[in-house]
Amino acid sequence: MIQSKIKFDIRQKTSENEVIMKLTLKTDFVDCYDNHFDQLSQPVPHMTFNRLTRNNFSRQDLFNQLNKMNEPVIPHGTTKELSERFWSAQKFVVYTDDYAHSGQGKILIDRHQIPQYTNILASLYMPEKPALSLKKIVIGNRIFWAKYQSSHPWKSNVGDYVELHEPYEDLEINNKLFPLYTIDYVLGANYWWAVDLNTAPELKKLNLKISPEEIHQEIKSWYERLYDYG
């Protein structure tokens, strides 16, 4: 998160009464709204939206952030800790890559395999509705929901079926966290648990009912609000 406010160094005056904010994009993948960002021909003051699939958020960092957001975070810890806390649990999701998303960098293990992964971060496996999950998509101040159903034995977001849900018309949020993010939830014990936070989701695969221009404007407006621009 950006910790301080900057009021003047991201503005560029175009007339006596008008200033605009320059916003560029730094990314390692292509999405549907990319060509709406500013392209700088000279090093003028600007802001940069960093959208990177591998950033400095580890899996534990993401769980900590979800806790700060008051999300219902999935029970997690080392496999040894989890097996002792949940003595009847037979399966655990082990994170082999702390910085991976979208179903990558994790494996499902049985209790008898715990000695092989004793000190590795894991979460409790919820078998109630395997291969089913919800995704909350936050773009600026707009929220969308998607339901994922997959034929994979336990991974829901590999994506055989996606059902989109429009945001509530009267729902207004004040998102000061990230310009763009998604949260994945899985169902267990009749409760939806938050299992992943992704600050660089790929939107073109979701076919949301929001135009590329609107996506860009929501992201730019987020920066303008954050820096008290105007």
Protein backbone atom coordinates (compact mmCIF):
# COMPACT_ATOMS: atom_id res chain seq x y z
CA MET A 1 0.00 0.00 0.00
CA ILE A 2 1.06 3.58 -0.63
CA GLN A 3 1.41 5.26 2.72
CA SER A 4 1.46 9.00 2.04
CA LYS A 5 -0.44 11.61 0.04
CA ILE A 6 1.12 13.61 -2.78
CA LYS A 7 -0.93 16.46 -4.14
CA PHE A 8 1.10 18.21 -6.80
CA ASP A 9 3.84 16.06 -8.27
CA ILE A 10 1.44 13.90 -10.32
CA ARG A 11 -0.36 16.81 -11.99
CA GLN A 12 0.29 18.30 -15.36
CA LYS A 13 -1.36 21.61 -16.16
CA THR A 14 -3.09 21.84 -19.54
CA SER A 15 -4.77 25.21 -19.12
CA GLU A 16 -5.33 27.87 -16.51
CA ASN A 17 -8.03 25.85 -14.74
CA GLU A 18 -7.38 22.27 -15.79
CA VAL A 19 -4.87 19.70 -14.63
CA ILE A 20 -4.70 16.03 -15.52
CA MET A 21 -3.05 13.07 -13.87
CA LYS A 22 -0.77 10.88 -15.93
CA LEU A 23 -1.12 7.18 -15.14
CA THR A 24 1.14 4.59 -16.74
CA LEU A 25 1.05 0.79 -16.56
CA LYS A 26 3.82 -1.60 -15.53
CA THR A 27 2.81 -5.22 -16.07
CA ASP A 28 4.02 -8.66 -17.11
CA PHE A 29 0.87 -9.73 -18.99
CA VAL A 30 -1.65 -8.26 -21.44
CA ASP A 31 -5.23 -7.39 -20.53
CA CYS A 32 -8.20 -5.88 -22.34
CA TYR A 33 -7.89 -2.30 -21.00
CA ASP A 34 -4.12 -1.79 -21.32
CA ASN A 35 -4.14 0.62 -24.26
CA HIS A 36 -6.04 3.24 -22.24
CA PHE A 37 -3.08 4.04 -20.01
CA ASP A 38 -0.84 7.01 -20.73
CA GLN A 39 2.28 6.58 -22.84
CA LEU A 40 4.94 9.08 -21.83
CA SER A 41 7.19 10.60 -24.47
CA GLN A 42 9.15 12.51 -21.84
CA PRO A 43 9.76 11.98 -18.11
CA VAL A 44 6.92 14.14 -16.82
CA PRO A 45 5.60 13.54 -13.26
CA HIS A 46 3.21 10.61 -13.24
CA MET A 47 1.88 7.62 -11.28
CA THR A 48 2.38 3.97 -12.21
CA PHE A 49 -0.12 1.15 -11.78
CA ASN A 50 2.02 -1.91 -11.02
CA ARG A 51 0.15 -5.04 -12.15
CA LEU A 52 2.57 -7.92 -11.72
CA THR A 53 1.72 -11.60 -11.42
CA ARG A 54 4.63 -12.11 -9.03
CA ASN A 55 4.89 -9.30 -6.50
CA ASN A 56 6.28 -8.97 -2.98
CA PHE A 57 3.19 -10.46 -1.28
CA SER A 58 3.89 -13.94 0.01
CA ARG A 59 1.02 -16.32 0.79
CA GLN A 60 1.38 -15.52 4.50
CA ASP A 61 1.33 -11.79 3.68
CA LEU A 62 -1.93 -12.32 1.78
CA PHE A 63 -3.50 -14.18 4.68
CA ASN A 64 -2.41 -11.37 7.02
CA GLN A 65 -3.90 -8.76 4.69
CA LEU A 66 -7.18 -10.67 4.45
CA ASN A 67 -7.33 -10.71 8.24
CA LYS A 68 -6.86 -6.93 8.29
CA MET A 69 -9.75 -6.66 5.82
CA ASN A 70 -11.95 -8.62 8.25
CA GLU A 71 -12.36 -11.42 5.74
CA PRO A 72 -13.18 -14.97 7.00
CA VAL A 73 -9.72 -16.38 6.38
CA ILE A 74 -9.30 -20.13 5.94
CA PRO A 75 -7.56 -21.82 8.92
CA HIS A 76 -3.87 -21.98 8.03
CA GLY A 77 -0.40 -22.60 9.44
CA THR A 78 2.31 -25.20 8.96
CA THR A 79 1.06 -28.68 8.18
CA LYS A 80 2.24 -29.83 11.62
CA GLU A 81 0.31 -27.04 13.38
CA LEU A 82 -2.85 -27.68 11.38
CA SER A 83 -2.75 -31.42 11.91
CA GLU A 84 -2.53 -30.85 15.67
CA ARG A 85 -5.29 -28.22 15.77
CA PHE A 86 -7.63 -30.19 13.48
CA TRP A 87 -6.92 -33.74 14.52
CA SER A 88 -9.82 -35.19 12.48
CA ALA A 89 -8.81 -33.48 9.21
CA GLN A 90 -7.47 -35.89 6.62
CA LYS A 91 -6.40 -33.56 3.81
CA PHE A 92 -4.50 -30.27 3.62
CA VAL A 93 -3.65 -27.78 0.87
CA VAL A 94 0.12 -27.17 0.90
CA TYR A 95 1.57 -24.03 -0.74
CA THR A 96 4.68 -25.03 -2.65
CA ASP A 97 5.06 -21.56 -4.20
CA ASP A 98 4.32 -18.64 -1.84
CA TYR A 99 3.85 -16.17 -4.70
CA ALA A 100 1.63 -18.12 -7.11
CA HIS A 101 -2.08 -17.55 -7.89
CA SER A 102 -4.83 -18.95 -10.13
CA GLY A 103 -4.57 -22.50 -8.86
CA GLN A 104 -0.79 -22.71 -9.25
CA GLY A 105 1.82 -23.47 -6.60
CA LYS A 106 -0.25 -25.67 -4.32
CA ILE A 107 -0.88 -29.38 -3.84
CA LEU A 108 -3.38 -31.46 -1.91
CA ILE A 109 -1.87 -33.94 0.56
CA ASP A 110 -3.19 -36.64 2.89
CA ARG A 111 -2.43 -36.69 6.60
CA HIS A 112 0.14 -39.48 6.23
CA GLN A 113 2.22 -37.17 3.96
CA ILE A 114 2.66 -34.46 6.61
CA PRO A 115 6.23 -35.54 7.57
CA GLN A 116 7.30 -34.60 4.01
CA TYR A 117 5.94 -31.05 4.39
CA THR A 118 6.16 -30.44 8.17
CA ASN A 119 7.15 -26.75 8.19
CA ILE A 120 5.51 -25.62 4.93
CA LEU A 121 2.54 -23.24 4.99
CA ALA A 122 -0.77 -24.99 4.40
CA SER A 123 -4.49 -24.43 4.81
CA LEU A 124 -7.31 -26.69 5.84
CA TYR A 125 -8.95 -28.51 2.94
CA MET A 126 -12.71 -27.97 2.75
CA PRO A 127 -14.30 -31.02 1.06
CA GLU A 128 -17.92 -29.87 1.38
CA LYS A 129 -18.20 -28.54 -2.18
CA PRO A 130 -15.00 -29.54 -3.99
CA ALA A 131 -14.19 -27.62 -7.16
CA LEU A 132 -16.67 -24.84 -6.28
CA SER A 133 -15.65 -21.30 -5.33
CA LEU A 134 -16.74 -17.67 -5.38
CA LYS A 135 -14.63 -14.79 -6.60
CA LYS A 136 -15.14 -11.17 -5.55
CA ILE A 137 -13.77 -8.78 -8.18
CA VAL A 138 -13.13 -5.21 -7.03
CA ILE A 139 -12.32 -2.61 -9.71
CA GLY A 140 -11.91 0.82 -8.15
CA ASN A 141 -15.21 1.29 -6.32
CA ARG A 142 -17.16 -1.35 -8.26
CA ILE A 143 -17.73 -4.95 -7.17
CA PHE A 144 -18.56 -8.00 -9.29
CA TRP A 145 -19.02 -11.63 -8.27
CA ALA A 146 -18.26 -14.83 -10.15
CA LYS A 147 -19.00 -18.45 -9.25
CA TYR A 148 -16.52 -21.08 -10.44
CA GLN A 149 -17.32 -24.75 -10.99
CA SER A 150 -14.70 -27.13 -12.31
CA SER A 151 -14.33 -30.78 -13.23
CA HIS A 152 -10.96 -30.81 -11.45
CA PRO A 153 -11.06 -33.08 -8.37
CA TRP A 154 -10.43 -30.14 -6.00
CA LYS A 155 -9.33 -26.97 -7.84
CA SER A 156 -12.33 -24.81 -8.76
CA ASN A 157 -10.61 -21.91 -10.48
CA VAL A 158 -9.09 -23.89 -13.33
CA GLY A 159 -12.28 -22.78 -15.01
CA ASP A 160 -14.71 -25.18 -16.70
CA TYR A 161 -17.69 -22.98 -15.82
CA VAL A 162 -18.00 -19.39 -14.68
CA GLU A 163 -21.28 -17.73 -13.71
CA LEU A 164 -21.16 -13.95 -13.36
CA HIS A 165 -23.25 -11.98 -10.91
CA GLU A 166 -23.86 -8.27 -11.43
CA PRO A 167 -23.09 -5.89 -8.56
CA TYR A 168 -25.97 -4.54 -6.51
CA GLU A 169 -27.13 -1.24 -8.01
CA ASP A 170 -27.28 0.54 -4.66
CA LEU A 171 -24.04 -0.86 -3.27
CA GLU A 172 -21.36 1.80 -2.84
CA ILE A 173 -17.93 1.08 -1.40
CA ASN A 174 -14.98 3.21 -0.43
CA ASN A 175 -12.05 1.13 -1.62
CA LYS A 176 -8.77 2.47 -0.25
CA LEU A 177 -6.91 -0.85 -0.42
CA PHE A 178 -5.83 -1.59 -3.99
CA PRO A 179 -6.93 -0.19 -7.38
CA LEU A 180 -7.79 -3.72 -8.51
CA TYR A 181 -8.04 -7.02 -6.64
CA THR A 182 -9.93 -10.29 -6.32
CA ILE A 183 -10.67 -12.54 -3.35
CA ASP A 184 -11.45 -16.25 -3.75
CA TYR A 185 -13.73 -18.11 -1.32
CA VAL A 186 -14.38 -21.82 -0.82
CA LEU A 187 -17.31 -23.41 0.99
CA GLY A 188 -16.82 -25.45 4.15
CA ALA A 189 -19.07 -26.16 7.15
CA ASN A 190 -21.76 -23.98 5.51
CA TYR A 191 -19.37 -21.02 5.50
CA TRP A 192 -17.50 -19.23 2.74
CA TRP A 193 -13.79 -19.01 3.61
CA ALA A 194 -11.35 -16.53 1.99
CA VAL A 195 -8.41 -18.45 0.53
CA ASP A 196 -6.65 -16.05 -1.84
CA LEU A 197 -6.11 -12.34 -2.51
CA ASN A 198 -4.85 -11.40 -5.98
CA THR A 199 -3.84 -7.79 -6.70
CA ALA A 200 -3.06 -8.51 -10.37
CA PRO A 201 -6.04 -10.49 -11.74
CA GLU A 202 -6.53 -11.01 -15.48
CA LEU A 203 -9.92 -9.49 -16.33
CA LYS A 204 -10.20 -10.35 -20.02
CA LYS A 205 -11.04 -13.98 -19.17
CA LEU A 206 -14.04 -12.98 -17.06
CA ASN A 207 -16.11 -11.10 -19.68
CA LEU A 208 -17.44 -8.68 -17.09
CA LYS A 209 -20.17 -6.25 -18.06
CA ILE A 210 -17.86 -3.29 -17.83
CA SER A 211 -16.00 -1.78 -20.78
CA PRO A 212 -12.20 -1.50 -20.99
CA GLU A 213 -12.63 2.29 -20.84
CA GLU A 214 -14.64 2.00 -17.62
CA ILE A 215 -12.07 -0.36 -16.07
CA HIS A 216 -9.29 2.11 -16.79
CA GLN A 217 -11.35 5.03 -15.46
CA GLU A 218 -12.14 3.18 -12.21
CA ILE A 219 -8.43 2.48 -11.67
CA LYS A 220 -7.42 6.06 -12.50
CA SER A 221 -10.16 7.46 -10.23
CA TRP A 222 -8.81 5.29 -7.41
CA TYR A 223 -5.42 7.01 -7.70
CA GLU A 224 -7.06 10.42 -7.93
CA ARG A 225 -9.01 9.81 -4.72
CA LEU A 226 -6.01 8.38 -2.91
CA TYR A 227 -3.86 11.41 -3.67
CA ASP A 228 -6.63 13.97 -3.14
CA TYR A 229 -6.27 14.97 -6.74
CA GLY A 230 -8.36 17.78 -8.21
